């Protein structure tokens, strides 16, 4: 079994649309097996008494949480007060469970507006995706897409919504193979910190470069 490299190349696996008690748990099982960490961008409606233990487990493993809005709507079409309501509730739910707020925000559909940048109050994250929200994209295609885009500082965008079996199968291969390729699998916060980079306002990140 490959072990996380101590230093060198770094990459952040990130997962949108959880948490849940099925797909998220299986992703955590894989990460835990290899001592890897990831960042989970949570939808507020999915933070429930049933999923709270999943969040606590991920937090205890060293994973981190980002804000992905309360209802996964097009925030770029909303006024300021609605944007604040959609994001503020999620941050408070995460803080109530973990004791700390989320450090990053991923806009639903990666749709942004100046109003969102002004109101959310968190650095914006996009990521290098593989369309793994589409059933037509196979596990092999998801795996190959991530491996093709893997580079030092990359933020990989995946989804752990309920029933996303093909992504689980892809991650089963991705985690050990990325480690074999010399990548440490870290959180987005760790990626910024280790690169000496400070998130800038009105910017959305998919790769974090060395400062």
N, C-alpha and C. Protein backbone atom coordinates (compact mmCIF):
# COMPACT_ATOMS: atom_id res chain seq x y z
N UNK A 1 0.84 -1.19 0.00
CA UNK A 1 0.00 0.00 0.00
C UNK A 1 0.88 1.25 0.00
N UNK A 2 0.71 2.15 -0.98
CA UNK A 2 1.52 3.37 -0.98
C UNK A 2 1.13 4.28 0.18
N UNK A 3 2.13 4.94 0.76
CA UNK A 3 1.89 5.88 1.84
C UNK A 3 2.07 7.29 1.33
N UNK A 4 1.37 8.23 1.97
CA UNK A 4 1.47 9.63 1.58
C UNK A 4 2.94 10.07 1.62
N UNK A 5 3.43 10.72 0.53
CA UNK A 5 4.78 11.26 0.59
C UNK A 5 4.85 12.40 1.59
N UNK A 6 6.02 12.55 2.21
CA UNK A 6 6.17 13.56 3.26
C UNK A 6 6.27 14.97 2.67
N UNK A 7 6.79 15.09 1.47
CA UNK A 7 6.96 16.40 0.86
C UNK A 7 6.97 16.23 -0.65
N UNK A 8 7.06 17.35 -1.36
CA UNK A 8 7.10 17.30 -2.81
C UNK A 8 5.81 17.79 -3.42
N UNK A 9 5.32 17.11 -4.43
CA UNK A 9 4.12 17.56 -5.12
C UNK A 9 2.89 17.42 -4.22
N UNK A 10 1.97 18.37 -4.36
CA UNK A 10 0.73 18.36 -3.57
C UNK A 10 -0.47 18.58 -4.48
N UNK A 11 -1.57 17.97 -4.09
CA UNK A 11 -2.81 18.07 -4.86
C UNK A 11 -3.97 17.99 -3.88
N UNK A 12 -5.02 18.74 -4.14
CA UNK A 12 -6.20 18.72 -3.26
C UNK A 12 -7.38 18.06 -3.99
N UNK A 13 -7.81 16.92 -3.48
CA UNK A 13 -9.07 16.33 -3.93
C UNK A 13 -10.21 17.04 -3.20
N UNK A 14 -11.21 17.46 -3.94
CA UNK A 14 -12.37 18.13 -3.33
C UNK A 14 -13.65 17.47 -3.82
N UNK A 15 -14.65 17.47 -2.96
CA UNK A 15 -15.91 16.78 -3.26
C UNK A 15 -17.08 17.70 -2.94
N UNK A 16 -17.98 17.84 -3.91
CA UNK A 16 -19.16 18.70 -3.79
C UNK A 16 -20.42 17.90 -3.51
N UNK A 17 -21.39 18.58 -2.92
CA UNK A 17 -22.80 18.18 -2.85
C UNK A 17 -23.14 17.22 -1.72
N UNK A 18 -22.20 16.88 -0.85
CA UNK A 18 -22.53 16.10 0.34
C UNK A 18 -22.98 17.03 1.45
N UNK A 19 -22.99 16.48 2.66
CA UNK A 19 -22.59 15.11 3.00
C UNK A 19 -23.78 14.16 2.95
N UNK A 20 -23.46 12.87 2.94
CA UNK A 20 -24.50 11.85 3.07
C UNK A 20 -23.88 10.64 3.77
N UNK A 21 -24.73 9.67 4.06
CA UNK A 21 -24.27 8.52 4.84
C UNK A 21 -23.87 7.33 3.96
N UNK A 22 -23.76 7.56 2.66
CA UNK A 22 -23.39 6.48 1.77
C UNK A 22 -22.13 6.83 0.98
N UNK A 23 -22.25 7.67 -0.04
CA UNK A 23 -21.10 7.99 -0.88
C UNK A 23 -20.00 8.67 -0.08
N UNK A 24 -20.35 9.66 0.73
CA UNK A 24 -19.33 10.36 1.52
C UNK A 24 -18.58 9.39 2.42
N UNK A 25 -19.29 8.47 3.04
CA UNK A 25 -18.65 7.50 3.93
C UNK A 25 -17.67 6.62 3.16
N UNK A 26 -18.04 6.20 1.98
CA UNK A 26 -17.15 5.34 1.19
C UNK A 26 -15.90 6.11 0.74
N UNK A 27 -16.06 7.38 0.42
CA UNK A 27 -14.91 8.21 0.09
C UNK A 27 -13.98 8.33 1.30
N UNK A 28 -14.56 8.55 2.47
CA UNK A 28 -13.76 8.65 3.69
C UNK A 28 -13.01 7.35 3.97
N UNK A 29 -13.66 6.22 3.72
CA UNK A 29 -13.01 4.92 3.93
C UNK A 29 -11.73 4.83 3.08
N UNK A 30 -11.82 5.26 1.84
CA UNK A 30 -10.66 5.20 0.94
C UNK A 30 -9.57 6.15 1.42
N UNK A 31 -9.94 7.37 1.73
CA UNK A 31 -8.95 8.34 2.21
C UNK A 31 -8.24 7.84 3.46
N UNK A 32 -9.03 7.31 4.39
CA UNK A 32 -8.46 6.84 5.65
C UNK A 32 -7.48 5.69 5.44
N UNK A 33 -7.80 4.82 4.49
CA UNK A 33 -6.93 3.67 4.22
C UNK A 33 -5.52 4.11 3.85
N UNK A 34 -5.41 5.26 3.17
CA UNK A 34 -4.10 5.71 2.69
C UNK A 34 -3.56 6.93 3.45
N UNK A 35 -4.24 7.32 4.51
CA UNK A 35 -3.78 8.48 5.27
C UNK A 35 -3.88 9.78 4.50
N UNK A 36 -4.83 9.84 3.57
CA UNK A 36 -5.00 11.04 2.74
C UNK A 36 -6.09 11.94 3.31
N UNK A 37 -6.05 13.20 2.90
CA UNK A 37 -7.05 14.17 3.32
C UNK A 37 -7.70 14.79 2.08
N UNK A 38 -8.89 15.36 2.28
CA UNK A 38 -9.60 16.02 1.19
C UNK A 38 -10.43 17.16 1.76
N UNK A 39 -10.99 17.95 0.86
CA UNK A 39 -11.89 19.04 1.24
C UNK A 39 -13.28 18.75 0.70
N UNK A 40 -14.28 18.91 1.55
CA UNK A 40 -15.67 18.62 1.18
C UNK A 40 -16.47 19.92 1.21
N UNK A 41 -17.07 20.25 0.08
CA UNK A 41 -17.88 21.46 -0.04
C UNK A 41 -19.34 21.07 0.15
N UNK A 42 -19.89 21.47 1.29
CA UNK A 42 -21.17 20.94 1.75
C UNK A 42 -22.35 21.81 1.34
N UNK A 43 -23.46 21.14 1.02
CA UNK A 43 -24.75 21.80 0.82
C UNK A 43 -25.47 21.82 2.16
N UNK A 44 -25.94 23.00 2.54
CA UNK A 44 -26.54 23.15 3.86
C UNK A 44 -27.70 22.21 4.12
N UNK A 45 -28.54 21.99 3.12
CA UNK A 45 -29.70 21.11 3.30
C UNK A 45 -29.30 19.68 3.63
N UNK A 46 -28.06 19.31 3.30
CA UNK A 46 -27.61 17.95 3.57
C UNK A 46 -26.94 17.80 4.93
N UNK A 47 -26.81 18.89 5.65
CA UNK A 47 -26.23 18.84 7.00
C UNK A 47 -27.38 18.59 7.98
N UNK A 48 -27.50 17.36 8.44
CA UNK A 48 -28.63 16.93 9.25
C UNK A 48 -28.12 16.14 10.45
N UNK A 49 -28.97 15.81 11.39
CA UNK A 49 -28.53 14.94 12.49
C UNK A 49 -27.96 13.61 12.00
N UNK A 50 -28.47 13.10 10.88
CA UNK A 50 -27.98 11.82 10.34
C UNK A 50 -26.57 11.97 9.77
N UNK A 51 -26.27 13.12 9.16
CA UNK A 51 -24.95 13.29 8.54
C UNK A 51 -23.92 13.93 9.46
N UNK A 52 -24.35 14.42 10.60
CA UNK A 52 -23.40 15.05 11.52
C UNK A 52 -22.25 14.12 11.91
N UNK A 53 -22.50 12.82 12.21
CA UNK A 53 -21.37 11.93 12.52
C UNK A 53 -20.38 11.78 11.36
N UNK A 54 -20.87 11.86 10.13
CA UNK A 54 -19.99 11.78 8.96
C UNK A 54 -19.08 12.99 8.93
N UNK A 55 -19.64 14.16 9.20
CA UNK A 55 -18.84 15.39 9.23
C UNK A 55 -17.79 15.31 10.33
N UNK A 56 -18.19 14.84 11.49
CA UNK A 56 -17.24 14.74 12.61
C UNK A 56 -16.11 13.75 12.28
N UNK A 57 -16.46 12.65 11.64
CA UNK A 57 -15.42 11.68 11.26
C UNK A 57 -14.43 12.32 10.31
N UNK A 58 -14.93 12.99 9.28
CA UNK A 58 -14.05 13.62 8.30
C UNK A 58 -13.15 14.66 8.97
N UNK A 59 -13.72 15.44 9.85
CA UNK A 59 -12.96 16.46 10.56
C UNK A 59 -11.86 15.82 11.40
N UNK A 60 -12.18 14.75 12.09
CA UNK A 60 -11.20 14.06 12.91
C UNK A 60 -10.08 13.43 12.07
N UNK A 61 -10.37 13.14 10.81
CA UNK A 61 -9.36 12.60 9.90
C UNK A 61 -8.44 13.68 9.34
N UNK A 62 -8.74 14.94 9.61
CA UNK A 62 -7.93 16.03 9.08
C UNK A 62 -8.47 16.63 7.80
N UNK A 63 -9.65 16.19 7.39
CA UNK A 63 -10.29 16.80 6.23
C UNK A 63 -10.87 18.15 6.62
N UNK A 64 -11.22 18.95 5.62
CA UNK A 64 -11.82 20.25 5.91
C UNK A 64 -13.10 20.43 5.09
N UNK A 65 -13.85 21.46 5.45
CA UNK A 65 -15.15 21.69 4.83
C UNK A 65 -15.22 23.08 4.21
N UNK A 66 -15.86 23.13 3.05
CA UNK A 66 -16.12 24.38 2.39
C UNK A 66 -17.62 24.60 2.27
N UNK A 67 -17.98 25.81 1.96
CA UNK A 67 -19.36 26.23 1.82
C UNK A 67 -19.78 26.07 0.36
N UNK A 68 -20.89 25.38 0.12
CA UNK A 68 -21.39 25.18 -1.25
C UNK A 68 -22.85 25.64 -1.38
N UNK A 69 -23.27 26.50 -0.46
CA UNK A 69 -24.61 27.12 -0.41
C UNK A 69 -25.62 26.20 0.27
N UNK A 70 -26.72 26.78 0.64
CA UNK A 70 -27.77 26.05 1.35
C UNK A 70 -28.56 25.14 0.42
N UNK A 71 -28.91 25.62 -0.78
CA UNK A 71 -29.82 24.87 -1.65
C UNK A 71 -29.25 24.58 -3.04
N UNK A 72 -28.00 24.96 -3.30
CA UNK A 72 -27.37 24.72 -4.60
C UNK A 72 -28.15 25.38 -5.74
N UNK A 73 -28.48 26.63 -5.55
CA UNK A 73 -29.16 27.38 -6.60
C UNK A 73 -28.17 28.31 -7.30
N UNK A 74 -28.64 29.03 -8.31
CA UNK A 74 -27.79 29.97 -9.03
C UNK A 74 -27.69 31.27 -8.22
N UNK A 75 -26.69 31.35 -7.37
CA UNK A 75 -26.52 32.52 -6.53
C UNK A 75 -26.21 33.77 -7.34
N UNK A 76 -25.66 33.61 -8.53
CA UNK A 76 -25.33 34.77 -9.35
C UNK A 76 -26.57 35.52 -9.82
N UNK A 77 -27.75 34.91 -9.66
CA UNK A 77 -29.00 35.56 -10.06
C UNK A 77 -29.71 36.21 -8.87
N UNK A 78 -29.11 36.13 -7.67
CA UNK A 78 -29.77 36.59 -6.46
C UNK A 78 -29.23 37.92 -5.98
N UNK A 79 -30.06 38.69 -5.25
CA UNK A 79 -29.57 39.93 -4.64
C UNK A 79 -28.70 39.64 -3.43
N UNK A 80 -28.08 40.66 -2.91
CA UNK A 80 -27.09 40.50 -1.85
C UNK A 80 -27.65 39.80 -0.62
N UNK A 81 -28.85 40.19 -0.17
CA UNK A 81 -29.38 39.60 1.07
C UNK A 81 -29.65 38.11 0.89
N UNK A 82 -30.08 37.70 -0.30
CA UNK A 82 -30.33 36.29 -0.55
C UNK A 82 -29.03 35.50 -0.63
N UNK A 83 -28.00 36.08 -1.22
CA UNK A 83 -26.69 35.43 -1.27
C UNK A 83 -26.17 35.22 0.15
N UNK A 84 -26.31 36.24 0.98
CA UNK A 84 -25.84 36.12 2.37
C UNK A 84 -26.62 35.05 3.13
N UNK A 85 -27.92 34.96 2.88
CA UNK A 85 -28.73 33.93 3.55
C UNK A 85 -28.34 32.54 3.08
N UNK A 86 -28.10 32.38 1.79
CA UNK A 86 -27.76 31.08 1.22
C UNK A 86 -26.41 30.56 1.71
N UNK A 87 -25.50 31.45 2.03
CA UNK A 87 -24.16 31.04 2.42
C UNK A 87 -23.94 31.12 3.93
N UNK A 88 -24.53 32.11 4.56
CA UNK A 88 -24.33 32.28 6.00
C UNK A 88 -24.84 31.11 6.80
N UNK A 89 -25.97 30.53 6.39
CA UNK A 89 -26.54 29.40 7.13
C UNK A 89 -25.62 28.20 7.09
N UNK A 90 -24.96 27.96 5.95
CA UNK A 90 -24.07 26.82 5.83
C UNK A 90 -22.84 27.00 6.72
N UNK A 91 -22.29 28.20 6.71
CA UNK A 91 -21.12 28.46 7.55
C UNK A 91 -21.44 28.23 9.03
N UNK A 92 -22.61 28.64 9.44
CA UNK A 92 -22.98 28.47 10.84
C UNK A 92 -23.19 26.99 11.19
N UNK A 93 -23.76 26.23 10.28
CA UNK A 93 -23.94 24.80 10.52
C UNK A 93 -22.60 24.09 10.65
N UNK A 94 -21.66 24.43 9.78
CA UNK A 94 -20.34 23.82 9.85
C UNK A 94 -19.63 24.20 11.14
N UNK A 95 -19.74 25.47 11.51
CA UNK A 95 -19.11 25.93 12.75
C UNK A 95 -19.70 25.21 13.97
N UNK A 96 -21.01 25.01 13.95
CA UNK A 96 -21.67 24.37 15.10
C UNK A 96 -21.17 22.95 15.32
N UNK A 97 -20.81 22.26 14.25
CA UNK A 97 -20.37 20.87 14.36
C UNK A 97 -18.87 20.76 14.61
N UNK A 98 -18.08 21.57 13.92
CA UNK A 98 -16.62 21.42 13.98
C UNK A 98 -15.94 22.41 14.91
N UNK A 99 -16.65 23.48 15.26
CA UNK A 99 -16.04 24.52 16.08
C UNK A 99 -15.30 25.57 15.29
N UNK A 100 -15.27 25.43 13.96
CA UNK A 100 -14.62 26.44 13.14
C UNK A 100 -15.40 26.62 11.85
N UNK A 101 -15.32 27.81 11.27
CA UNK A 101 -16.07 28.08 10.04
C UNK A 101 -15.37 27.47 8.83
N UNK A 102 -16.07 27.38 7.71
CA UNK A 102 -15.40 26.95 6.48
C UNK A 102 -14.40 28.01 6.04
N UNK A 103 -13.39 27.59 5.31
CA UNK A 103 -12.34 28.51 4.88
C UNK A 103 -12.50 28.92 3.41
N UNK A 104 -13.32 28.19 2.65
CA UNK A 104 -13.46 28.48 1.23
C UNK A 104 -14.92 28.29 0.79
N UNK A 105 -15.24 28.86 -0.36
CA UNK A 105 -16.57 28.76 -0.95
C UNK A 105 -16.45 28.30 -2.39
N UNK A 106 -17.26 27.30 -2.74
CA UNK A 106 -17.36 26.91 -4.14
C UNK A 106 -18.75 27.27 -4.64
N UNK A 107 -18.86 28.17 -5.61
CA UNK A 107 -20.19 28.57 -6.10
C UNK A 107 -20.87 27.44 -6.85
N UNK A 108 -22.15 27.19 -6.59
CA UNK A 108 -22.87 26.19 -7.37
C UNK A 108 -22.77 26.51 -8.86
N UNK A 109 -22.54 25.48 -9.65
CA UNK A 109 -22.42 25.59 -11.11
C UNK A 109 -21.23 26.47 -11.52
N UNK A 110 -20.38 26.83 -10.57
CA UNK A 110 -19.25 27.75 -10.79
C UNK A 110 -19.76 29.04 -11.44
N UNK A 111 -20.96 29.44 -11.06
CA UNK A 111 -21.57 30.68 -11.56
C UNK A 111 -21.33 31.77 -10.53
N UNK A 112 -20.69 32.86 -10.95
CA UNK A 112 -20.30 33.90 -10.01
C UNK A 112 -20.83 35.26 -10.47
N UNK A 113 -20.81 36.19 -9.53
CA UNK A 113 -21.19 37.58 -9.81
C UNK A 113 -20.41 38.48 -8.87
N UNK A 114 -20.34 39.76 -9.20
CA UNK A 114 -19.69 40.72 -8.30
C UNK A 114 -20.39 40.75 -6.95
N UNK A 115 -21.71 40.61 -6.95
CA UNK A 115 -22.47 40.59 -5.69
C UNK A 115 -22.00 39.43 -4.82
N UNK A 116 -21.79 38.27 -5.40
CA UNK A 116 -21.32 37.12 -4.64
C UNK A 116 -19.94 37.38 -4.07
N UNK A 117 -19.04 37.89 -4.88
CA UNK A 117 -17.68 38.15 -4.39
C UNK A 117 -17.71 39.13 -3.22
N UNK A 118 -18.62 40.09 -3.27
CA UNK A 118 -18.69 41.09 -2.20
C UNK A 118 -19.35 40.54 -0.94
N UNK A 119 -20.28 39.60 -1.09
CA UNK A 119 -21.13 39.21 0.04
C UNK A 119 -20.72 37.93 0.75
N UNK A 120 -20.05 37.02 0.08
CA UNK A 120 -19.82 35.71 0.67
C UNK A 120 -18.78 35.76 1.77
N UNK A 121 -17.73 36.54 1.58
CA UNK A 121 -16.73 36.67 2.64
C UNK A 121 -15.76 35.52 2.76
N UNK A 122 -15.65 34.68 1.72
CA UNK A 122 -14.72 33.57 1.69
C UNK A 122 -14.01 33.53 0.34
N UNK A 123 -12.79 33.02 0.26
CA UNK A 123 -12.14 32.84 -1.03
C UNK A 123 -12.92 31.84 -1.89
N UNK A 124 -12.95 32.10 -3.19
CA UNK A 124 -13.71 31.27 -4.12
C UNK A 124 -12.81 30.20 -4.74
N UNK A 125 -13.34 28.97 -4.79
CA UNK A 125 -12.63 27.83 -5.36
C UNK A 125 -13.44 27.26 -6.52
N UNK A 126 -12.79 27.00 -7.62
CA UNK A 126 -13.40 26.24 -8.72
C UNK A 126 -12.78 24.85 -8.69
N UNK A 127 -11.90 24.54 -9.62
CA UNK A 127 -11.26 23.23 -9.63
C UNK A 127 -11.21 22.65 -11.02
N UNK A 128 -10.39 21.63 -11.19
CA UNK A 128 -10.26 20.91 -12.46
C UNK A 128 -11.21 19.73 -12.41
N UNK A 129 -12.27 19.80 -13.19
CA UNK A 129 -13.33 18.80 -13.12
C UNK A 129 -13.26 17.78 -14.24
N UNK A 130 -14.06 16.72 -14.08
CA UNK A 130 -14.11 15.65 -15.08
C UNK A 130 -15.57 15.29 -15.40
N UNK A 131 -16.48 16.23 -15.16
CA UNK A 131 -17.91 16.01 -15.44
C UNK A 131 -18.45 14.78 -14.73
N UNK A 132 -17.99 14.55 -13.51
CA UNK A 132 -18.40 13.32 -12.81
C UNK A 132 -19.80 13.41 -12.23
N UNK A 133 -20.50 14.49 -12.49
CA UNK A 133 -21.92 14.59 -12.13
C UNK A 133 -22.81 14.00 -13.22
N UNK A 134 -22.21 13.62 -14.35
CA UNK A 134 -22.97 13.04 -15.46
C UNK A 134 -22.88 11.52 -15.42
N UNK A 135 -24.02 10.85 -15.47
CA UNK A 135 -24.03 9.38 -15.45
C UNK A 135 -23.31 8.79 -16.66
N UNK A 136 -23.29 9.55 -17.76
CA UNK A 136 -22.69 9.03 -18.99
C UNK A 136 -21.17 8.94 -18.92
N UNK A 137 -20.56 9.62 -17.94
CA UNK A 137 -19.11 9.59 -17.80
C UNK A 137 -18.74 8.39 -16.93
N UNK A 138 -17.99 7.47 -17.49
CA UNK A 138 -17.67 6.22 -16.79
C UNK A 138 -16.63 6.44 -15.70
N UNK A 139 -16.51 5.46 -14.82
CA UNK A 139 -15.49 5.51 -13.78
C UNK A 139 -14.10 5.60 -14.39
N UNK A 140 -13.86 4.86 -15.46
CA UNK A 140 -12.57 4.89 -16.13
C UNK A 140 -12.29 6.29 -16.70
N UNK A 141 -13.29 6.92 -17.29
CA UNK A 141 -13.11 8.26 -17.84
C UNK A 141 -12.85 9.28 -16.72
N UNK A 142 -13.51 9.11 -15.59
CA UNK A 142 -13.27 10.01 -14.46
C UNK A 142 -11.84 9.85 -13.95
N UNK A 143 -11.42 8.61 -13.79
CA UNK A 143 -10.06 8.33 -13.35
C UNK A 143 -9.04 8.94 -14.32
N UNK A 144 -9.22 8.66 -15.60
CA UNK A 144 -8.26 9.13 -16.60
C UNK A 144 -8.24 10.66 -16.66
N UNK A 145 -9.40 11.28 -16.51
CA UNK A 145 -9.46 12.74 -16.56
C UNK A 145 -8.71 13.39 -15.42
N UNK A 146 -8.83 12.82 -14.23
CA UNK A 146 -8.09 13.36 -13.09
C UNK A 146 -6.60 13.15 -13.28
N UNK A 147 -6.19 11.95 -13.65
CA UNK A 147 -4.77 11.67 -13.82
C UNK A 147 -4.16 12.56 -14.90
N UNK A 148 -4.91 12.85 -15.92
CA UNK A 148 -4.41 13.70 -17.01
C UNK A 148 -4.19 15.14 -16.52
N UNK A 149 -5.03 15.61 -15.62
CA UNK A 149 -4.95 17.00 -15.15
C UNK A 149 -4.11 17.16 -13.88
N UNK A 150 -3.69 16.05 -13.28
CA UNK A 150 -2.96 16.11 -12.02
C UNK A 150 -1.64 16.86 -12.21
N UNK A 151 -1.46 17.89 -11.40
CA UNK A 151 -0.21 18.64 -11.38
C UNK A 151 -0.02 19.22 -9.99
N UNK A 152 1.20 19.60 -9.70
CA UNK A 152 1.48 20.18 -8.39
C UNK A 152 0.63 21.43 -8.19
N UNK A 153 -0.13 21.46 -7.08
CA UNK A 153 -0.98 22.61 -6.78
C UNK A 153 -2.39 22.52 -7.30
N UNK A 154 -2.74 21.43 -7.98
CA UNK A 154 -4.06 21.31 -8.58
C UNK A 154 -5.15 21.10 -7.52
N UNK A 155 -6.31 21.68 -7.79
CA UNK A 155 -7.52 21.42 -7.02
C UNK A 155 -8.44 20.61 -7.92
N UNK A 156 -8.72 19.38 -7.54
CA UNK A 156 -9.54 18.48 -8.36
C UNK A 156 -10.98 18.54 -7.87
N UNK A 157 -11.91 18.77 -8.81
CA UNK A 157 -13.33 18.92 -8.49
C UNK A 157 -14.08 17.62 -8.80
N UNK A 158 -14.56 16.97 -7.74
CA UNK A 158 -15.37 15.76 -7.86
C UNK A 158 -16.64 15.92 -7.04
N UNK A 159 -17.51 14.92 -7.09
CA UNK A 159 -18.81 15.00 -6.41
C UNK A 159 -19.07 13.73 -5.60
N UNK A 160 -19.53 13.94 -4.35
CA UNK A 160 -19.87 12.79 -3.50
C UNK A 160 -21.37 12.75 -3.19
N UNK A 161 -22.18 13.24 -4.12
CA UNK A 161 -23.62 13.17 -3.88
C UNK A 161 -24.08 11.72 -3.80
N UNK A 162 -25.23 11.53 -3.19
CA UNK A 162 -25.77 10.20 -2.94
C UNK A 162 -25.85 9.40 -4.24
N UNK A 163 -25.28 8.20 -4.24
CA UNK A 163 -25.40 7.29 -5.38
C UNK A 163 -24.38 7.50 -6.48
N UNK A 164 -23.39 8.37 -6.27
CA UNK A 164 -22.40 8.62 -7.32
C UNK A 164 -21.34 7.51 -7.31
N UNK A 165 -21.78 6.33 -7.66
CA UNK A 165 -20.96 5.11 -7.57
C UNK A 165 -19.73 5.17 -8.47
N UNK A 166 -19.86 5.74 -9.66
CA UNK A 166 -18.72 5.76 -10.57
C UNK A 166 -17.57 6.60 -10.02
N UNK A 167 -17.89 7.66 -9.31
CA UNK A 167 -16.81 8.45 -8.70
C UNK A 167 -16.15 7.69 -7.57
N UNK A 168 -16.91 6.95 -6.78
CA UNK A 168 -16.30 6.12 -5.74
C UNK A 168 -15.32 5.13 -6.36
N UNK A 169 -15.72 4.48 -7.43
CA UNK A 169 -14.83 3.52 -8.08
C UNK A 169 -13.59 4.20 -8.64
N UNK A 170 -13.76 5.41 -9.17
CA UNK A 170 -12.61 6.16 -9.68
C UNK A 170 -11.67 6.53 -8.54
N UNK A 171 -12.22 6.97 -7.42
CA UNK A 171 -11.39 7.38 -6.28
C UNK A 171 -10.63 6.19 -5.69
N UNK A 172 -11.23 5.00 -5.75
CA UNK A 172 -10.54 3.80 -5.26
C UNK A 172 -9.20 3.62 -5.99
N UNK A 173 -9.14 4.00 -7.24
CA UNK A 173 -7.90 3.91 -8.01
C UNK A 173 -7.07 5.18 -7.91
N UNK A 174 -7.75 6.32 -7.87
CA UNK A 174 -7.04 7.60 -7.89
C UNK A 174 -6.14 7.79 -6.68
N UNK A 175 -6.67 7.51 -5.50
CA UNK A 175 -5.90 7.82 -4.29
C UNK A 175 -4.56 7.08 -4.28
N UNK A 176 -4.52 5.75 -4.41
CA UNK A 176 -3.22 5.09 -4.41
C UNK A 176 -2.34 5.46 -5.59
N UNK A 177 -2.95 5.66 -6.76
CA UNK A 177 -2.13 5.96 -7.94
C UNK A 177 -1.55 7.36 -7.88
N UNK A 178 -2.29 8.33 -7.37
CA UNK A 178 -1.74 9.68 -7.20
C UNK A 178 -0.59 9.67 -6.19
N UNK A 179 -0.76 8.90 -5.13
CA UNK A 179 0.31 8.80 -4.13
C UNK A 179 1.55 8.15 -4.76
N UNK A 180 1.34 7.12 -5.57
CA UNK A 180 2.47 6.48 -6.25
C UNK A 180 3.19 7.46 -7.18
N UNK A 181 2.41 8.41 -7.74
CA UNK A 181 3.00 9.42 -8.63
C UNK A 181 3.71 10.52 -7.85
N UNK A 182 3.70 10.41 -6.52
CA UNK A 182 4.44 11.37 -5.70
C UNK A 182 3.64 12.52 -5.15
N UNK A 183 2.31 12.46 -5.26
CA UNK A 183 1.47 13.55 -4.76
C UNK A 183 1.09 13.30 -3.30
N UNK A 184 1.23 14.31 -2.47
CA UNK A 184 0.59 14.32 -1.16
C UNK A 184 -0.82 14.86 -1.35
N UNK A 185 -1.81 14.14 -0.84
CA UNK A 185 -3.21 14.54 -0.99
C UNK A 185 -3.62 15.32 0.24
N UNK A 186 -3.80 16.63 0.06
CA UNK A 186 -3.97 17.56 1.17
C UNK A 186 -5.27 18.34 1.02
N UNK A 187 -5.59 19.13 2.03
CA UNK A 187 -6.76 20.00 1.94
C UNK A 187 -6.42 21.26 1.15
N UNK A 188 -7.45 21.98 0.76
CA UNK A 188 -7.22 23.24 0.05
C UNK A 188 -6.45 24.22 0.93
N UNK A 189 -6.80 24.28 2.21
CA UNK A 189 -6.08 25.17 3.12
C UNK A 189 -4.60 24.81 3.19
N UNK A 190 -4.31 23.52 3.28
CA UNK A 190 -2.92 23.08 3.32
C UNK A 190 -2.21 23.44 2.02
N UNK A 191 -2.90 23.33 0.91
CA UNK A 191 -2.30 23.65 -0.39
C UNK A 191 -1.87 25.11 -0.42
N UNK A 192 -2.75 26.02 -0.02
CA UNK A 192 -2.40 27.44 0.00
C UNK A 192 -1.25 27.70 0.97
N UNK A 193 -1.33 27.10 2.15
CA UNK A 193 -0.30 27.35 3.16
C UNK A 193 1.06 26.85 2.69
N UNK A 194 1.13 25.63 2.17
CA UNK A 194 2.41 25.06 1.77
C UNK A 194 2.99 25.76 0.55
N UNK A 195 2.13 26.35 -0.28
CA UNK A 195 2.60 27.10 -1.44
C UNK A 195 2.93 28.55 -1.08
N UNK A 196 2.66 28.93 0.16
CA UNK A 196 2.91 30.31 0.57
C UNK A 196 2.04 31.31 -0.15
N UNK A 197 0.86 30.87 -0.58
CA UNK A 197 -0.05 31.71 -1.37
C UNK A 197 -1.18 32.24 -0.49
N UNK A 198 -1.58 33.45 -0.72
CA UNK A 198 -2.68 34.08 -0.01
C UNK A 198 -3.84 34.26 -0.99
N UNK A 199 -5.03 33.68 -0.69
CA UNK A 199 -6.16 33.85 -1.62
C UNK A 199 -6.50 35.33 -1.83
N UNK A 200 -6.69 35.70 -3.06
CA UNK A 200 -6.98 37.09 -3.40
C UNK A 200 -8.47 37.30 -3.61
N UNK A 201 -8.98 38.48 -3.30
CA UNK A 201 -10.40 38.77 -3.54
C UNK A 201 -10.71 38.83 -5.04
N UNK A 202 -11.97 38.59 -5.37
CA UNK A 202 -12.44 38.64 -6.76
C UNK A 202 -11.62 37.71 -7.65
N UNK A 203 -11.22 36.56 -7.10
CA UNK A 203 -10.44 35.57 -7.83
C UNK A 203 -11.02 34.20 -7.51
N UNK A 204 -11.03 33.30 -8.49
CA UNK A 204 -11.49 31.94 -8.26
C UNK A 204 -10.39 30.98 -8.70
N UNK A 205 -10.07 30.02 -7.84
CA UNK A 205 -8.87 29.21 -8.02
C UNK A 205 -9.18 27.78 -8.46
N UNK A 206 -8.35 27.29 -9.40
CA UNK A 206 -8.35 25.88 -9.76
C UNK A 206 -6.99 25.24 -9.55
N UNK A 207 -5.96 26.05 -9.55
CA UNK A 207 -4.58 25.61 -9.29
C UNK A 207 -3.93 26.65 -8.38
N UNK A 208 -3.20 26.19 -7.37
CA UNK A 208 -2.49 27.10 -6.47
C UNK A 208 -1.01 27.03 -6.80
N UNK A 209 -0.44 28.15 -7.23
CA UNK A 209 0.97 28.21 -7.59
C UNK A 209 1.82 28.64 -6.40
N UNK A 210 3.09 28.26 -6.45
CA UNK A 210 4.04 28.69 -5.43
C UNK A 210 4.15 30.21 -5.44
N UNK A 211 4.03 30.81 -4.27
CA UNK A 211 4.13 32.27 -4.20
C UNK A 211 5.56 32.73 -4.44
